[in-house]
Full PDB file with SEQRES, HELIX, SHEET, SSBOND, CRYST1, ORIGX, SCALE, CONECT and MASTER records, all heavy atoms in Angstrom:
SEQRES   1 A   41  GLU TRP HIS THR HIS PRO GLU ASP HIS PRO GLN PRO SER          
SEQRES   2 A   41  SER LEU ASP ARG SER GLU TRP ASN ARG LEU SER ALA LYS          
SEQRES   3 A   41  ARG ARG ASP LYS ARG PRO MET LEU ALA VAL ILE VAL GLY          
SEQRES   4 A   41  ARG LYS                                                      
HELIX    1 AA1 SER A   14  ALA A   25  1                                  12    
SHEET    1 AA1 2 TRP A   2  THR A   4  0                                        
SHEET    2 AA1 2 VAL A  36  VAL A  38  1                                        
CRYST1    1.000    1.000    1.000  90.00  90.00  90.00 P 1           1          
ORIGX1      1.000000  0.000000  0.000000        0.00000                         
ORIGX2      0.000000  1.000000  0.000000        0.00000                         
ORIGX3      0.000000  0.000000  1.000000        0.00000                         
SCALE1      1.000000  0.000000  0.000000        0.00000                         
SCALE2      0.000000  1.000000  0.000000        0.00000                         
SCALE3      0.000000  0.000000  1.000000        0.00000                         
ATOM      1  N   GLU A   1      -4.805  31.012  15.280  1.00  0.00           N  
ATOM      2  CA  GLU A   1      -5.685  29.872  15.532  1.00  0.00           C  
ATOM      3  C   GLU A   1      -5.161  28.643  14.797  1.00  0.00           C  
ATOM      4  O   GLU A   1      -4.515  28.756  13.762  1.00  0.00           O  
ATOM      5  CB  GLU A   1      -7.092  30.164  14.992  1.00  0.00           C  
ATOM      6  CG  GLU A   1      -7.673  31.493  15.405  1.00  0.00           C  
ATOM      7  CD  GLU A   1      -8.519  31.426  16.646  1.00  0.00           C  
ATOM      8  OE1 GLU A   1      -9.123  30.366  16.906  1.00  0.00           O  
ATOM      9  OE2 GLU A   1      -8.590  32.449  17.367  1.00  0.00           O  
ATOM     10  N   TRP A   2      -5.485  27.484  15.345  1.00  0.00           N  
ATOM     11  CA  TRP A   2      -5.169  26.226  14.672  1.00  0.00           C  
ATOM     12  C   TRP A   2      -6.396  25.333  14.724  1.00  0.00           C  
ATOM     13  O   TRP A   2      -7.242  25.466  15.614  1.00  0.00           O  
ATOM     14  CB  TRP A   2      -3.956  25.525  15.307  1.00  0.00           C  
ATOM     15  CG  TRP A   2      -4.256  24.894  16.649  1.00  0.00           C  
ATOM     16  CD1 TRP A   2      -4.241  25.514  17.863  1.00  0.00           C  
ATOM     17  CD2 TRP A   2      -4.647  23.538  16.898  1.00  0.00           C  
ATOM     18  NE1 TRP A   2      -4.579  24.637  18.857  1.00  0.00           N  
ATOM     19  CE2 TRP A   2      -4.832  23.405  18.291  1.00  0.00           C  
ATOM     20  CE3 TRP A   2      -4.851  22.421  16.083  1.00  0.00           C  
ATOM     21  CZ2 TRP A   2      -5.220  22.203  18.892  1.00  0.00           C  
ATOM     22  CZ3 TRP A   2      -5.235  21.233  16.678  1.00  0.00           C  
ATOM     23  CH2 TRP A   2      -5.411  21.138  18.065  1.00  0.00           C  
ATOM     24  N   HIS A   3      -6.515  24.469  13.741  1.00  0.00           N  
ATOM     25  CA  HIS A   3      -7.529  23.414  13.768  1.00  0.00           C  
ATOM     26  C   HIS A   3      -7.093  22.285  12.842  1.00  0.00           C  
ATOM     27  O   HIS A   3      -6.157  22.438  12.061  1.00  0.00           O  
ATOM     28  CB  HIS A   3      -8.924  23.934  13.418  1.00  0.00           C  
ATOM     29  CG  HIS A   3      -9.126  24.304  11.982  1.00  0.00           C  
ATOM     30  ND1 HIS A   3      -8.666  25.490  11.434  1.00  0.00           N  
ATOM     31  CD2 HIS A   3      -9.738  23.648  10.971  1.00  0.00           C  
ATOM     32  CE1 HIS A   3      -9.000  25.541  10.153  1.00  0.00           C  
ATOM     33  NE2 HIS A   3      -9.646  24.422   9.835  1.00  0.00           N  
ATOM     34  N   THR A   4      -7.747  21.165  12.953  1.00  0.00           N  
ATOM     35  CA  THR A   4      -7.410  19.998  12.143  1.00  0.00           C  
ATOM     36  C   THR A   4      -8.357  19.876  10.948  1.00  0.00           C  
ATOM     37  O   THR A   4      -9.446  20.448  10.942  1.00  0.00           O  
ATOM     38  CB  THR A   4      -7.490  18.698  12.972  1.00  0.00           C  
ATOM     39  OG1 THR A   4      -8.837  18.530  13.438  1.00  0.00           O  
ATOM     40  CG2 THR A   4      -6.529  18.731  14.149  1.00  0.00           C  
ATOM     41  N   HIS A   5      -7.904  19.118   9.966  1.00  0.00           N  
ATOM     42  CA  HIS A   5      -8.731  18.704   8.826  1.00  0.00           C  
ATOM     43  C   HIS A   5      -8.534  17.200   8.649  1.00  0.00           C  
ATOM     44  O   HIS A   5      -7.427  16.701   8.844  1.00  0.00           O  
ATOM     45  CB  HIS A   5      -8.299  19.394   7.535  1.00  0.00           C  
ATOM     46  CG  HIS A   5      -8.960  20.702   7.281  1.00  0.00           C  
ATOM     47  ND1 HIS A   5      -8.893  21.331   6.064  1.00  0.00           N  
ATOM     48  CD2 HIS A   5      -9.702  21.519   8.064  1.00  0.00           C  
ATOM     49  CE1 HIS A   5      -9.556  22.479   6.110  1.00  0.00           C  
ATOM     50  NE2 HIS A   5     -10.044  22.611   7.320  1.00  0.00           N  
ATOM     51  N   PRO A   6      -9.579  16.501   8.222  1.00  0.00           N  
ATOM     52  CA  PRO A   6      -9.466  15.056   7.994  1.00  0.00           C  
ATOM     53  C   PRO A   6      -8.909  14.742   6.604  1.00  0.00           C  
ATOM     54  O   PRO A   6      -9.536  14.053   5.800  1.00  0.00           O  
ATOM     55  CB  PRO A   6     -10.909  14.566   8.156  1.00  0.00           C  
ATOM     56  CG  PRO A   6     -11.735  15.728   7.678  1.00  0.00           C  
ATOM     57  CD  PRO A   6     -10.964  16.962   8.099  1.00  0.00           C  
ATOM     58  N   GLU A   7      -7.724  15.278   6.315  1.00  0.00           N  
ATOM     59  CA  GLU A   7      -7.076  15.028   5.029  1.00  0.00           C  
ATOM     60  C   GLU A   7      -5.575  14.993   5.241  1.00  0.00           C  
ATOM     61  O   GLU A   7      -5.065  15.549   6.212  1.00  0.00           O  
ATOM     62  CB  GLU A   7      -7.467  16.089   3.997  1.00  0.00           C  
ATOM     63  CG  GLU A   7      -7.222  17.508   4.435  1.00  0.00           C  
ATOM     64  CD  GLU A   7      -7.839  18.543   3.506  1.00  0.00           C  
ATOM     65  OE1 GLU A   7      -8.003  18.280   2.301  1.00  0.00           O  
ATOM     66  OE2 GLU A   7      -8.139  19.642   3.981  1.00  0.00           O  
ATOM     67  N   ASP A   8      -4.861  14.337   4.343  1.00  0.00           N  
ATOM     68  CA  ASP A   8      -3.413  14.191   4.494  1.00  0.00           C  
ATOM     69  C   ASP A   8      -2.699  15.532   4.421  1.00  0.00           C  
ATOM     70  O   ASP A   8      -1.874  15.858   5.274  1.00  0.00           O  
ATOM     71  CB  ASP A   8      -2.849  13.250   3.420  1.00  0.00           C  
ATOM     72  CG  ASP A   8      -3.254  11.802   3.646  1.00  0.00           C  
ATOM     73  OD1 ASP A   8      -3.735  11.472   4.744  1.00  0.00           O  
ATOM     74  OD2 ASP A   8      -3.079  11.002   2.705  1.00  0.00           O  
ATOM     75  N   HIS A   9      -2.974  16.291   3.371  1.00  0.00           N  
ATOM     76  CA  HIS A   9      -2.306  17.571   3.142  1.00  0.00           C  
ATOM     77  C   HIS A   9      -3.389  18.652   3.082  1.00  0.00           C  
ATOM     78  O   HIS A   9      -3.989  18.868   2.029  1.00  0.00           O  
ATOM     79  CB  HIS A   9      -1.479  17.526   1.852  1.00  0.00           C  
ATOM     80  CG  HIS A   9      -0.497  16.389   1.853  1.00  0.00           C  
ATOM     81  ND1 HIS A   9       0.647  16.395   2.623  1.00  0.00           N  
ATOM     82  CD2 HIS A   9      -0.524  15.194   1.223  1.00  0.00           C  
ATOM     83  CE1 HIS A   9       1.295  15.253   2.449  1.00  0.00           C  
ATOM     84  NE2 HIS A   9       0.606  14.505   1.607  1.00  0.00           N  
ATOM     85  N   PRO A  10      -3.646  19.305   4.208  1.00  0.00           N  
ATOM     86  CA  PRO A  10      -4.816  20.186   4.311  1.00  0.00           C  
ATOM     87  C   PRO A  10      -4.699  21.469   3.497  1.00  0.00           C  
ATOM     88  O   PRO A  10      -3.616  22.008   3.298  1.00  0.00           O  
ATOM     89  CB  PRO A  10      -4.872  20.504   5.804  1.00  0.00           C  
ATOM     90  CG  PRO A  10      -3.453  20.410   6.258  1.00  0.00           C  
ATOM     91  CD  PRO A  10      -2.865  19.289   5.450  1.00  0.00           C  
ATOM     92  N   GLN A  11      -5.839  21.934   3.048  1.00  0.00           N  
ATOM     93  CA  GLN A  11      -5.989  23.207   2.365  1.00  0.00           C  
ATOM     94  C   GLN A  11      -7.178  23.932   3.000  1.00  0.00           C  
ATOM     95  O   GLN A  11      -8.164  23.294   3.382  1.00  0.00           O  
ATOM     96  CB  GLN A  11      -6.253  23.007   0.867  1.00  0.00           C  
ATOM     97  CG  GLN A  11      -5.059  22.470   0.112  1.00  0.00           C  
ATOM     98  CD  GLN A  11      -3.922  23.477   0.076  1.00  0.00           C  
ATOM     99  OE1 GLN A  11      -4.096  24.650  -0.232  1.00  0.00           O  
ATOM    100  NE2 GLN A  11      -2.723  23.011   0.426  1.00  0.00           N  
ATOM    101  N   PRO A  12      -7.124  25.253   3.108  1.00  0.00           N  
ATOM    102  CA  PRO A  12      -8.224  25.985   3.728  1.00  0.00           C  
ATOM    103  C   PRO A  12      -9.484  25.967   2.865  1.00  0.00           C  
ATOM    104  O   PRO A  12      -9.408  26.052   1.641  1.00  0.00           O  
ATOM    105  CB  PRO A  12      -7.680  27.401   3.880  1.00  0.00           C  
ATOM    106  CG  PRO A  12      -6.529  27.492   2.958  1.00  0.00           C  
ATOM    107  CD  PRO A  12      -6.000  26.111   2.753  1.00  0.00           C  
ATOM    108  N   SER A  13     -10.625  25.860   3.549  1.00  0.00           N  
ATOM    109  CA  SER A  13     -11.919  25.940   2.875  1.00  0.00           C  
ATOM    110  C   SER A  13     -12.329  27.412   2.783  1.00  0.00           C  
ATOM    111  O   SER A  13     -11.700  28.284   3.386  1.00  0.00           O  
ATOM    112  CB  SER A  13     -12.971  25.173   3.683  1.00  0.00           C  
ATOM    113  OG  SER A  13     -13.189  25.833   4.930  1.00  0.00           O  
ATOM    114  N   SER A  14     -13.397  27.680   2.049  1.00  0.00           N  
ATOM    115  CA  SER A  14     -13.893  29.059   1.976  1.00  0.00           C  
ATOM    116  C   SER A  14     -14.371  29.522   3.349  1.00  0.00           C  
ATOM    117  O   SER A  14     -14.220  30.695   3.707  1.00  0.00           O  
ATOM    118  CB  SER A  14     -15.001  29.187   0.926  1.00  0.00           C  
ATOM    119  OG  SER A  14     -16.067  28.316   1.231  1.00  0.00           O  
ATOM    120  N   LEU A  15     -14.913  28.605   4.154  1.00  0.00           N  
ATOM    121  CA  LEU A  15     -15.325  28.928   5.521  1.00  0.00           C  
ATOM    122  C   LEU A  15     -14.106  29.293   6.373  1.00  0.00           C  
ATOM    123  O   LEU A  15     -14.138  30.266   7.129  1.00  0.00           O  
ATOM    124  CB  LEU A  15     -16.084  27.763   6.148  1.00  0.00           C  
ATOM    125  CG  LEU A  15     -16.579  27.967   7.580  1.00  0.00           C  
ATOM    126  CD1 LEU A  15     -17.530  29.148   7.669  1.00  0.00           C  
ATOM    127  CD2 LEU A  15     -17.241  26.701   8.087  1.00  0.00           C  
ATOM    128  N   ASP A  16     -13.021  28.531   6.224  1.00  0.00           N  
ATOM    129  CA  ASP A  16     -11.779  28.852   6.938  1.00  0.00           C  
ATOM    130  C   ASP A  16     -11.337  30.271   6.589  1.00  0.00           C  
ATOM    131  O   ASP A  16     -11.036  31.081   7.470  1.00  0.00           O  
ATOM    132  CB  ASP A  16     -10.646  27.882   6.568  1.00  0.00           C  
ATOM    133  CG  ASP A  16     -10.845  26.477   7.094  1.00  0.00           C  
ATOM    134  OD1 ASP A  16     -11.503  26.305   8.140  1.00  0.00           O  
ATOM    135  OD2 ASP A  16     -10.334  25.543   6.446  1.00  0.00           O  
ATOM    136  N   ARG A  17     -11.294  30.577   5.298  1.00  0.00           N  
ATOM    137  CA  ARG A  17     -10.811  31.884   4.844  1.00  0.00           C  
ATOM    138  C   ARG A  17     -11.662  33.031   5.387  1.00  0.00           C  
ATOM    139  O   ARG A  17     -11.138  34.043   5.847  1.00  0.00           O  
ATOM    140  CB  ARG A  17     -10.754  31.953   3.332  1.00  0.00           C  
ATOM    141  CG  ARG A  17      -9.675  31.052   2.772  1.00  0.00           C  
ATOM    142  CD  ARG A  17      -9.062  31.610   1.514  1.00  0.00           C  
ATOM    143  NE  ARG A  17      -7.886  30.824   1.198  1.00  0.00           N  
ATOM    144  CZ  ARG A  17      -6.690  31.035   1.711  1.00  0.00           C  
ATOM    145  NH1 ARG A  17      -6.499  32.023   2.553  1.00  0.00           N  
ATOM    146  NH2 ARG A  17      -5.669  30.273   1.395  1.00  0.00           N  
ATOM    147  N   SER A  18     -12.984  32.883   5.344  1.00  0.00           N  
ATOM    148  CA  SER A  18     -13.837  33.970   5.831  1.00  0.00           C  
ATOM    149  C   SER A  18     -13.678  34.146   7.345  1.00  0.00           C  
ATOM    150  O   SER A  18     -13.642  35.281   7.833  1.00  0.00           O  
ATOM    151  CB  SER A  18     -15.301  33.744   5.447  1.00  0.00           C  
ATOM    152  OG  SER A  18     -15.809  32.589   6.068  1.00  0.00           O  
ATOM    153  N   GLU A  19     -13.528  33.047   8.079  1.00  0.00           N  
ATOM    154  CA  GLU A  19     -13.324  33.126   9.525  1.00  0.00           C  
ATOM    155  C   GLU A  19     -11.968  33.755   9.846  1.00  0.00           C  
ATOM    156  O   GLU A  19     -11.854  34.586  10.750  1.00  0.00           O  
ATOM    157  CB  GLU A  19     -13.436  31.732  10.144  1.00  0.00           C  
ATOM    158  CG  GLU A  19     -13.294  31.704  11.652  1.00  0.00           C  
ATOM    159  CD  GLU A  19     -14.426  32.382  12.406  1.00  0.00           C  
ATOM    160  OE1 GLU A  19     -15.429  32.801  11.793  1.00  0.00           O  
ATOM    161  OE2 GLU A  19     -14.298  32.519  13.636  1.00  0.00           O  
ATOM    162  N   TRP A  20     -10.928  33.380   9.119  1.00  0.00           N  
ATOM    163  CA  TRP A  20      -9.603  33.954   9.347  1.00  0.00           C  
ATOM    164  C   TRP A  20      -9.612  35.459   9.095  1.00  0.00           C  
ATOM    165  O   TRP A  20      -9.032  36.224   9.862  1.00  0.00           O  
ATOM    166  CB  TRP A  20      -8.565  33.292   8.457  1.00  0.00           C  
ATOM    167  CG  TRP A  20      -8.309  31.845   8.755  1.00  0.00           C  
ATOM    168  CD1 TRP A  20      -8.686  31.140   9.863  1.00  0.00           C  
ATOM    169  CD2 TRP A  20      -7.615  30.934   7.916  1.00  0.00           C  
ATOM    170  NE1 TRP A  20      -8.263  29.838   9.762  1.00  0.00           N  
ATOM    171  CE2 TRP A  20      -7.602  29.690   8.566  1.00  0.00           C  
ATOM    172  CE3 TRP A  20      -7.013  31.036   6.670  1.00  0.00           C  
ATOM    173  CZ2 TRP A  20      -6.994  28.557   8.023  1.00  0.00           C  
ATOM    174  CZ3 TRP A  20      -6.407  29.919   6.124  1.00  0.00           C  
ATOM    175  CH2 TRP A  20      -6.406  28.685   6.802  1.00  0.00           C  
ATOM    176  N   ASN A  21     -10.256  35.898   8.021  1.00  0.00           N  
ATOM    177  CA  ASN A  21     -10.327  37.328   7.730  1.00  0.00           C  
ATOM    178  C   ASN A  21     -11.084  38.070   8.835  1.00  0.00           C  
ATOM    179  O   ASN A  21     -10.689  39.170   9.235  1.00  0.00           O  
ATOM    180  CB  ASN A  21     -10.969  37.586   6.368  1.00  0.00           C  
ATOM    181  CG  ASN A  21     -10.086  37.144   5.218  1.00  0.00           C  
ATOM    182  OD1 ASN A  21      -8.883  36.994   5.352  1.00  0.00           O  
ATOM    183  ND2 ASN A  21     -10.695  36.909   4.079  1.00  0.00           N  
ATOM    184  N   ARG A  22     -12.160  37.461   9.341  1.00  0.00           N  
ATOM    185  CA  ARG A  22     -12.931  38.068  10.425  1.00  0.00           C  
ATOM    186  C   ARG A  22     -12.080  38.195  11.687  1.00  0.00           C  
ATOM    187  O   ARG A  22     -12.040  39.247  12.326  1.00  0.00           O  
ATOM    188  CB  ARG A  22     -14.183  37.226  10.703  1.00  0.00           C  
ATOM    189  CG  ARG A  22     -15.118  37.845  11.739  1.00  0.00           C  
ATOM    190  CD  ARG A  22     -16.269  36.921  12.080  1.00  0.00           C  
ATOM    191  NE  ARG A  22     -15.838  35.765  12.838  1.00  0.00           N  
ATOM    192  CZ  ARG A  22     -15.543  35.777  14.145  1.00  0.00           C  
ATOM    193  NH1 ARG A  22     -15.596  36.901  14.828  1.00  0.00           N  
ATOM    194  NH2 ARG A  22     -15.176  34.673  14.765  1.00  0.00           N  
ATOM    195  N   LEU A  23     -11.382  37.115  12.039  1.00  0.00           N  
ATOM    196  CA  LEU A  23     -10.544  37.138  13.239  1.00  0.00           C  
ATOM    197  C   LEU A  23      -9.374  38.101  13.093  1.00  0.00           C  
ATOM    198  O   LEU A  23      -9.008  38.799  14.045  1.00  0.00           O  
ATOM    199  CB  LEU A  23     -10.031  35.728  13.555  1.00  0.00           C  
ATOM    200  CG  LEU A  23     -11.078  34.746  14.057  1.00  0.00           C  
ATOM    201  CD1 LEU A  23     -10.518  33.328  14.062  1.00  0.00           C  
ATOM    202  CD2 LEU A  23     -11.571  35.133  15.445  1.00  0.00           C  
ATOM    203  N   SER A  24      -8.796  38.173  11.907  1.00  0.00           N  
ATOM    204  CA  SER A  24      -7.678  39.086  11.668  1.00  0.00           C  
ATOM    205  C   SER A  24      -8.131  40.541  11.818  1.00  0.00           C  
ATOM    206  O   SER A  24      -7.410  41.374  12.382  1.00  0.00           O  
ATOM    207  CB  SER A  24      -7.085  38.846  10.279  1.00  0.00           C  
ATOM    208  OG  SER A  24      -5.936  39.615  10.096  1.00  0.00           O  
ATOM    209  N   ALA A  25      -9.321  40.846  11.338  1.00  0.00           N  
ATOM    210  CA  ALA A  25      -9.847  42.211  11.433  1.00  0.00           C  
ATOM    211  C   ALA A  25     -10.082  42.623  12.879  1.00  0.00           C  
ATOM    212  O   ALA A  25     -10.042  43.821  13.200  1.00  0.00           O  
ATOM    213  CB  ALA A  25     -11.142  42.331  10.633  1.00  0.00           C  
ATOM    214  N   LYS A  26     -10.307  41.662  13.762  1.00  0.00           N  
ATOM    215  CA  LYS A  26     -10.557  41.958  15.178  1.00  0.00           C  
ATOM    216  C   LYS A  26      -9.279  42.154  15.986  1.00  0.00           C  
ATOM    217  O   LYS A  26      -9.343  42.559  17.145  1.00  0.00           O  
ATOM    218  CB  LYS A  26     -11.352  40.808  15.818  1.00  0.00           C  
ATOM    219  CG  LYS A  26     -12.790  40.741  15.385  1.00  0.00           C  
ATOM    220  CD  LYS A  26     -13.513  39.527  15.939  1.00  0.00           C  
ATOM    221  CE  LYS A  26     -13.335  39.328  17.422  1.00  0.00           C  
ATOM    222  NZ  LYS A  26     -14.114  38.188  17.949  1.00  0.00           N  
ATOM    223  N   ARG A  27      -8.108  41.898  15.396  1.00  0.00           N  
ATOM    224  CA  ARG A  27      -6.851  41.996  16.143  1.00  0.00           C  
ATOM    225  C   ARG A  27      -6.617  43.421  16.624  1.00  0.00           C  
ATOM    226  O   ARG A  27      -6.620  44.350  15.823  1.00  0.00           O  
ATOM    227  CB  ARG A  27      -5.654  41.577  15.269  1.00  0.00           C  
ATOM    228  CG  ARG A  27      -5.605  40.158  14.799  1.00  0.00           C  
ATOM    229  CD  ARG A  27      -5.021  39.175  15.779  1.00  0.00           C  
ATOM    230  NE  ARG A  27      -3.823  39.573  16.469  1.00  0.00           N  
ATOM    231  CZ  ARG A  27      -2.621  39.064  16.259  1.00  0.00           C  
ATOM    232  NH1 ARG A  27      -2.444  38.134  15.357  1.00  0.00           N  
ATOM    233  NH2 ARG A  27      -1.591  39.464  16.973  1.00  0.00           N  
ATOM    234  N   ARG A  28      -6.367  43.570  17.914  1.00  0.00           N  
ATOM    235  CA  ARG A  28      -6.095  44.895  18.488  1.00  0.00           C  
ATOM    236  C   ARG A  28      -4.765  45.461  18.001  1.00  0.00           C  
ATOM    237  O   ARG A  28      -4.624  46.665  17.841  1.00  0.00           O  
ATOM    238  CB  ARG A  28      -6.077  44.811  20.009  1.00  0.00           C  
ATOM    239  CG  ARG A  28      -7.428  44.554  20.597  1.00  0.00           C  
ATOM    240  CD  ARG A  28      -7.361  44.520  22.100  1.00  0.00           C  
ATOM    241  NE  ARG A  28      -8.642  44.092  22.619  1.00  0.00           N  
ATOM    242  CZ  ARG A  28      -8.810  43.612  23.822  1.00  0.00           C  
ATOM    243  NH1 ARG A  28      -7.792  43.506  24.643  1.00  0.00           N  
ATOM    244  NH2 ARG A  28      -9.996  43.244  24.229  1.00  0.00           N  
ATOM    245  N   ASP A  29      -3.784  44.567  17.787  1.00  0.00           N  
ATOM    246  CA  ASP A  29      -2.460  45.042  17.377  1.00  0.00           C  
ATOM    247  C   ASP A  29      -2.338  45.210  15.858  1.00  0.00           C  
ATOM    248  O   ASP A  29      -1.288  45.595  15.354  1.00  0.00           O  
ATOM    249  CB  ASP A  29      -1.365  44.114  17.899  1.00  0.00           C  
ATOM    250  CG  ASP A  29      -1.471  42.687  17.379  1.00  0.00           C  
ATOM    251  OD1 ASP A  29      -2.327  42.405  16.506  1.00  0.00           O  
ATOM    252  OD2 ASP A  29      -0.698  41.837  17.851  1.00  0.00           O  
ATOM    253  N   LYS A  30      -3.419  44.914  15.137  1.00  0.00           N  
ATOM    254  CA  LYS A  30      -3.492  45.083  13.673  1.00  0.00           C  
ATOM    255  C   LYS A  30      -2.511  44.197  12.891  1.00  0.00           C  
ATOM    256  O   LYS A  30      -2.320  44.388  11.698  1.00  0.00           O  
ATOM    257  CB  LYS A  30      -3.301  46.549  13.263  1.00  0.00           C  
ATOM    258  CG  LYS A  30      -4.325  47.478  13.877  1.00  0.00           C  
ATOM    259  CD  LYS A  30      -5.732  47.088  13.478  1.00  0.00           C  
ATOM    260  CE  LYS A  30      -6.763  48.013  14.090  1.00  0.00           C  
ATOM    261  NZ  LYS A  30      -8.099  47.479  14.036  1.00  0.00           N  
ATOM    262  N   ARG A  31      -1.878  43.220  13.563  1.00  0.00           N  
ATOM    263  CA  ARG A  31      -0.991  42.275  12.867  1.00  0.00           C  
ATOM    264  C   ARG A  31      -1.845  41.238  12.143  1.00  0.00           C  
ATOM    265  O   ARG A  31      -2.944  40.908  12.582  1.00  0.00           O  
ATOM    266  CB  ARG A  31      -0.099  41.546  13.882  1.00  0.00           C  
ATOM    267  CG  ARG A  31       0.972  42.409  14.511  1.00  0.00           C  
ATOM    268  CD  ARG A  31       1.804  41.594  15.476  1.00  0.00           C  
ATOM    269  NE  ARG A  31       2.371  40.404  14.860  1.00  0.00           N  
ATOM    270  CZ  ARG A  31       3.510  40.368  14.186  1.00  0.00           C  
ATOM    271  NH1 ARG A  31       4.223  41.452  14.040  1.00  0.00           N  
ATOM    272  NH2 ARG A  31       3.952  39.242  13.665  1.00  0.00           N  
ATOM    273  N   PRO A  32      -1.327  40.665  11.059  1.00  0.00           N  
ATOM    274  CA  PRO A  32      -2.027  39.536  10.435  1.00  0.00           C  
ATOM    275  C   PRO A  32      -2.115  38.367  11.429  1.00  0.00           C  
ATOM    276  O   PRO A  32      -1.283  38.236  12.330  1.00  0.00           O  
ATOM    277  CB  PRO A  32      -1.137  39.164   9.254  1.00  0.00           C  
ATOM    278  CG  PRO A  32      -0.277  40.351   9.018  1.00  0.00           C  
ATOM    279  CD  PRO A  32      -0.113  41.026  10.345  1.00  0.00           C  
ATOM    280  N   MET A  33      -3.122  37.554  11.268  1.00  0.00           N  
ATOM    281  CA  MET A  33      -3.328  36.409  12.142  1.00  0.00           C  
ATOM    282  C   MET A  33      -2.655  35.166  11.554  1.00  0.00           C  
ATOM    283  O   MET A  33      -2.731  34.933  10.349  1.00  0.00           O  
ATOM    284  CB  MET A  33      -4.825  36.142  12.283  1.00  0.00           C  
ATOM    285  CG  MET A  33      -5.134  35.022  13.243  1.00  0.00           C  
ATOM    286  SD  MET A  33      -6.793  34.349  13.041  1.00  0.00           S  
ATOM    287  CE  MET A  33      -6.539  33.257  11.674  1.00  0.00           C  
ATOM    288  N   LEU A  34      -2.020  34.388  12.400  1.00  0.00           N  
ATOM    289  CA  LEU A  34      -1.440  33.129  11.962  1.00  0.00           C  
ATOM    290  C   LEU A  34      -2.527  32.057  11.976  1.00  0.00           C  
ATOM    291  O   LEU A  34      -3.205  31.869  12.992  1.00  0.00           O  
ATOM    292  CB  LEU A  34      -0.282  32.712  12.879  1.00  0.00           C  
ATOM    293  CG  LEU A  34       0.376  31.387  12.524  1.00  0.00           C  
ATOM    294  CD1 LEU A  34       1.019  31.434  11.153  1.00  0.00           C  
ATOM    295  CD2 LEU A  34       1.403  31.020  13.588  1.00  0.00           C  
ATOM    296  N   ALA A  35      -2.713  31.394  10.862  1.00  0.00           N  
ATOM    297  CA  ALA A  35      -3.704  30.322  10.746  1.00  0.00           C  
ATOM    298  C   ALA A  35      -2.971  29.025  10.398  1.00  0.00           C  
ATOM    299  O   ALA A  35      -2.180  29.000   9.456  1.00  0.00           O  
ATOM    300  CB  ALA A  35      -4.718  30.659   9.661  1.00  0.00           C  
ATOM    301  N   VAL A  36      -3.243  27.981  11.174  1.00  0.00           N  
ATOM    302  CA  VAL A  36      -2.600  26.687  10.952  1.00  0.00           C  
ATOM    303  C   VAL A  36      -3.674  25.610  10.848  1.00  0.00           C  
ATOM    304  O   VAL A  36      -4.592  25.550  11.670  1.00  0.00           O  
ATOM    305  CB  VAL A  36      -1.615  26.345  12.100  1.00  0.00           C  
ATOM    306  CG1 VAL A  36      -1.070  24.933  11.943  1.00  0.00           C  
ATOM    307  CG2 VAL A  36      -0.487  27.361  12.158  1.00  0.00           C  
ATOM    308  N   ILE A  37      -3.539  24.779   9.827  1.00  0.00           N  
ATOM    309  CA  ILE A  37      -4.403  23.600   9.695  1.00  0.00           C  
ATOM    310  C   ILE A  37      -3.505  22.376   9.814  1.00  0.00           C  
ATOM    311  O   ILE A  37      -2.495  22.265   9.112  1.00  0.00           O  
ATOM    312  CB  ILE A  37      -5.149  23.565   8.344  1.00  0.00           C  
ATOM    313  CG1 ILE A  37      -5.960  24.832   8.132  1.00  0.00           C  
ATOM    314  CG2 ILE A  37      -6.062  22.334   8.296  1.00  0.00           C  
ATOM    315  CD1 ILE A  37      -6.614  24.926   6.760  1.00  0.00           C  
ATOM    316  N   VAL A  38      -3.891  21.483  10.696  1.00  0.00           N  
ATOM    317  CA  VAL A  38      -3.140  20.256  10.949  1.00  0.00           C  
ATOM    318  C   VAL A  38      -3.784  19.121  10.160  1.00  0.00           C  
ATOM    319  O   VAL A  38      -4.947  18.788  10.387  1.00  0.00           O  
ATOM    320  CB  VAL A  38      -3.131  19.914  12.455  1.00  0.00           C  
ATOM    321  CG1 VAL A  38      -2.395  18.611  12.712  1.00  0.00           C  
ATOM    322  CG2 VAL A  38      -2.522  21.062  13.258  1.00  0.00           C  
ATOM    323  N   GLY A  39      -3.045  18.569   9.221  1.00  0.00           N  
ATOM    324  CA  GLY A  39      -3.525  17.429   8.458  1.00  0.00           C  
ATOM    325  C   GLY A  39      -2.921  16.141   8.975  1.00  0.00           C  
ATOM    326  O   GLY A  39      -2.168  16.142   9.954  1.00  0.00           O  
ATOM    327  N   ARG A  40      -3.229  15.048   8.312  1.00  0.00           N  
ATOM    328  CA  ARG A  40      -2.700  13.746   8.734  1.00  0.00           C  
ATOM    329  C   ARG A  40      -1.203  13.621   8.490  1.00  0.00           C  
ATOM    330  O   ARG A  40      -0.493  12.967   9.234  1.00  0.00           O  
ATOM    331  CB  ARG A  40      -3.445  12.634   8.018  1.00  0.00           C  
ATOM    332  CG  ARG A  40      -4.897  12.529   8.435  1.00  0.00           C  
ATOM    333  CD  ARG A  40      -5.610  11.426   7.670  1.00  0.00           C  
ATOM    334  NE  ARG A  40      -6.984  11.333   8.125  1.00  0.00           N  
ATOM    335  CZ  ARG A  40      -8.011  11.110   7.331  1.00  0.00           C  
ATOM    336  NH1 ARG A  40      -7.828  10.945   6.022  1.00  0.00           N  
ATOM    337  NH2 ARG A  40      -9.225  11.030   7.825  1.00  0.00           N  
ATOM    338  N   LYS A  41      -0.704  14.249   7.416  1.00  0.00           N  
ATOM    339  CA  LYS A  41       0.716  14.119   7.065  1.00  0.00           C  
ATOM    340  C   LYS A  41       1.467  15.436   7.023  1.00  0.00           C  
ATOM    341  O   LYS A  41       2.696  15.434   6.979  1.00  0.00           O  
ATOM    342  CB  LYS A  41       0.853  13.424   5.702  1.00  0.00           C  
ATOM    343  CG  LYS A  41       0.369  11.990   5.720  1.00  0.00           C  
ATOM    344  CD  LYS A  41       0.562  11.331   4.374  1.00  0.00           C  
ATOM    345  CE  LYS A  41       0.100   9.883   4.414  1.00  0.00           C  
ATOM    346  NZ  LYS A  41       0.261   9.240   3.098  1.00  0.00           N  
TER     347      LYS A  41                                                      
MASTER        0    0    0    1    2    0    0    6  346    1    0    4          
END                                                                             
């Protein structure tokens, strides 16, 4: 998954982390999920 943040150099929030862990646990192939946050810079 990817999403944007309104900051120059993005860092994941606690909400991001909990959602990523939830989505990763749902993966059928059991691979880790790639998470990308797009910042301004």
